[in-house]
Amino acid sequence: MEIKHGILGPKRNASSTYGQELELARSTVENIMKRKDRQCIEYIQYFAKAKLKIHGDNLSITEIKKISDEAMAKAMAKLKIPKIPAEKIRNINMHILNLGAEGVKKVIERLKFLEREEINAA
């Protein structure tokens, strides 16, 4: 007999492993960069800069949460984020928060490169 329903809901909606979630988050950010989705790229920049601020200071978990929430609120207010699906925002946040300082710097540099490419193409 096959289990069709569990604590987390129907089996087809069961969560994947953490590694699979991180891979999905990474691929989401990569797809955003390939498609050059302006709103999502600006959101990534906001969140990446907040992550660098978090990484640079010796902060408590509550301070980290506060900075993270403030970065999301600022990004949503300025960019009018409701057009970006919540799942995409979750994946972006997961990817950025999982990166170290060097990884975040590389993402920011890549986003700056995409902006220069876009300006030169115009």
Protein backbone atom coordinates (compact mmCIF):
# COMPACT_ATOMS: atom_id res chain seq x y z
CA MET A 1 0.00 0.00 0.00
CA GLU A 2 1.41 3.38 -1.05
CA ILE A 3 1.31 6.40 1.28
CA LYS A 4 -0.66 9.16 -0.41
CA HIS A 5 -0.88 11.66 2.42
CA GLY A 6 1.52 12.65 5.18
CA ILE A 7 1.95 15.32 7.81
CA LEU A 8 3.06 17.86 5.19
CA GLY A 9 0.11 17.20 2.90
CA PRO A 10 -0.26 15.07 -0.20
CA LYS A 11 2.84 13.08 -1.09
CA ARG A 12 3.38 14.94 -4.36
CA ASN A 13 3.71 18.18 -2.35
CA ALA A 14 6.16 16.78 0.19
CA SER A 15 9.22 18.93 0.64
CA SER A 16 12.46 17.96 -1.03
CA THR A 17 15.83 17.67 0.65
CA TYR A 18 17.73 20.79 1.67
CA GLY A 19 20.26 20.21 -1.12
CA GLN A 20 17.49 20.04 -3.70
CA GLU A 21 15.97 23.24 -2.32
CA LEU A 22 19.33 25.01 -2.57
CA GLU A 23 19.80 23.80 -6.14
CA LEU A 24 16.33 25.08 -7.04
CA ALA A 25 17.17 28.43 -5.41
CA ARG A 26 20.46 28.67 -7.34
CA SER A 27 18.79 27.82 -10.63
CA THR A 28 16.06 30.39 -9.97
CA VAL A 29 18.66 33.14 -9.55
CA GLU A 30 20.57 31.93 -12.63
CA ASN A 31 17.35 32.02 -14.70
CA ILE A 32 16.60 35.55 -13.51
CA MET A 33 20.04 36.66 -14.65
CA LYS A 34 19.70 34.92 -18.02
CA ARG A 35 16.30 36.51 -18.68
CA LYS A 36 17.52 39.85 -17.29
CA ASP A 37 14.32 40.31 -15.27
CA ARG A 38 14.85 43.90 -14.09
CA GLN A 39 12.61 43.77 -10.99
CA CYS A 40 14.06 40.52 -9.73
CA ILE A 41 17.62 41.69 -10.38
CA GLU A 42 17.03 44.85 -8.36
CA TYR A 43 15.55 42.76 -5.55
CA ILE A 44 18.62 40.48 -5.62
CA GLN A 45 20.86 43.56 -5.37
CA TYR A 46 18.98 44.87 -2.32
CA PHE A 47 19.09 41.54 -0.57
CA ALA A 48 22.73 40.83 -1.47
CA LYS A 49 23.82 44.20 -0.08
CA ALA A 50 21.92 43.45 3.14
CA LYS A 51 23.65 40.06 3.32
CA LEU A 52 27.07 41.75 3.05
CA LYS A 53 26.09 44.07 5.89
CA ILE A 54 25.04 41.06 7.95
CA HIS A 55 28.25 39.21 7.16
CA GLY A 56 30.49 42.17 7.92
CA ASP A 57 29.17 42.74 11.44
CA ASN A 58 29.14 40.39 14.40
CA LEU A 59 25.37 40.36 14.87
CA SER A 60 22.93 38.30 16.88
CA ILE A 61 20.26 36.23 15.17
CA THR A 62 17.55 38.79 16.03
CA GLU A 63 19.64 41.61 14.52
CA ILE A 64 20.24 39.54 11.38
CA LYS A 65 16.49 38.88 11.09
CA LYS A 66 15.75 42.59 11.56
CA ILE A 67 18.24 43.64 8.82
CA SER A 68 16.91 40.93 6.50
CA ASP A 69 13.30 42.01 7.06
CA GLU A 70 14.18 45.67 6.55
CA ALA A 71 15.95 44.87 3.26
CA MET A 72 12.90 42.93 2.03
CA ALA A 73 10.53 45.73 3.09
CA LYS A 74 12.63 48.43 1.37
CA ALA A 75 12.88 46.37 -1.79
CA MET A 76 9.16 45.67 -1.85
CA ALA A 77 8.29 49.33 -1.24
CA LYS A 78 10.65 50.70 -3.91
CA LEU A 79 10.19 48.02 -6.54
CA LYS A 80 6.50 47.30 -6.00
CA ILE A 81 7.38 43.61 -5.61
CA PRO A 82 3.90 42.02 -5.62
CA LYS A 83 4.56 41.21 -9.28
CA ILE A 84 7.28 38.78 -8.16
CA PRO A 85 5.80 35.48 -6.92
CA ALA A 86 6.44 34.63 -3.26
CA GLU A 87 8.14 31.36 -4.22
CA LYS A 88 10.65 33.24 -6.37
CA ILE A 89 11.40 35.67 -3.53
CA ARG A 90 11.86 32.72 -1.17
CA ASN A 91 14.31 31.08 -3.59
CA ILE A 92 16.27 34.30 -4.07
CA ASN A 93 16.52 34.82 -0.30
CA MET A 94 17.55 31.21 0.27
CA HIS A 95 20.30 31.40 -2.36
CA ILE A 96 21.71 34.72 -1.14
CA LEU A 97 21.59 33.76 2.54
CA ASN A 98 23.37 30.47 1.79
CA LEU A 99 26.31 32.22 0.09
CA GLY A 100 29.39 33.40 1.92
CA ALA A 101 30.72 36.95 1.61
CA GLU A 102 32.80 36.11 -1.48
CA GLY A 103 29.83 34.45 -3.17
CA VAL A 104 27.62 37.47 -2.53
CA LYS A 105 30.33 39.79 -3.90
CA LYS A 106 30.50 37.66 -7.06
CA VAL A 107 26.72 37.88 -7.48
CA ILE A 108 26.82 41.67 -7.08
CA GLU A 109 29.67 41.93 -9.61
CA ARG A 110 27.76 39.76 -12.06
CA LEU A 111 24.68 41.96 -11.67
CA LYS A 112 26.79 45.08 -12.29
CA PHE A 113 28.20 43.41 -15.41
CA LEU A 114 24.66 42.69 -16.62
CA GLU A 115 23.74 46.35 -16.07
CA ARG A 116 26.77 47.54 -18.08
CA GLU A 117 25.90 45.09 -20.85
CA GLU A 118 22.34 46.40 -20.92
CA ILE A 119 23.53 50.02 -21.04
CA ASN A 120 25.99 49.29 -23.85
CA ALA A 121 23.30 47.44 -25.83
CA ALA A 122 20.95 50.43 -25.65
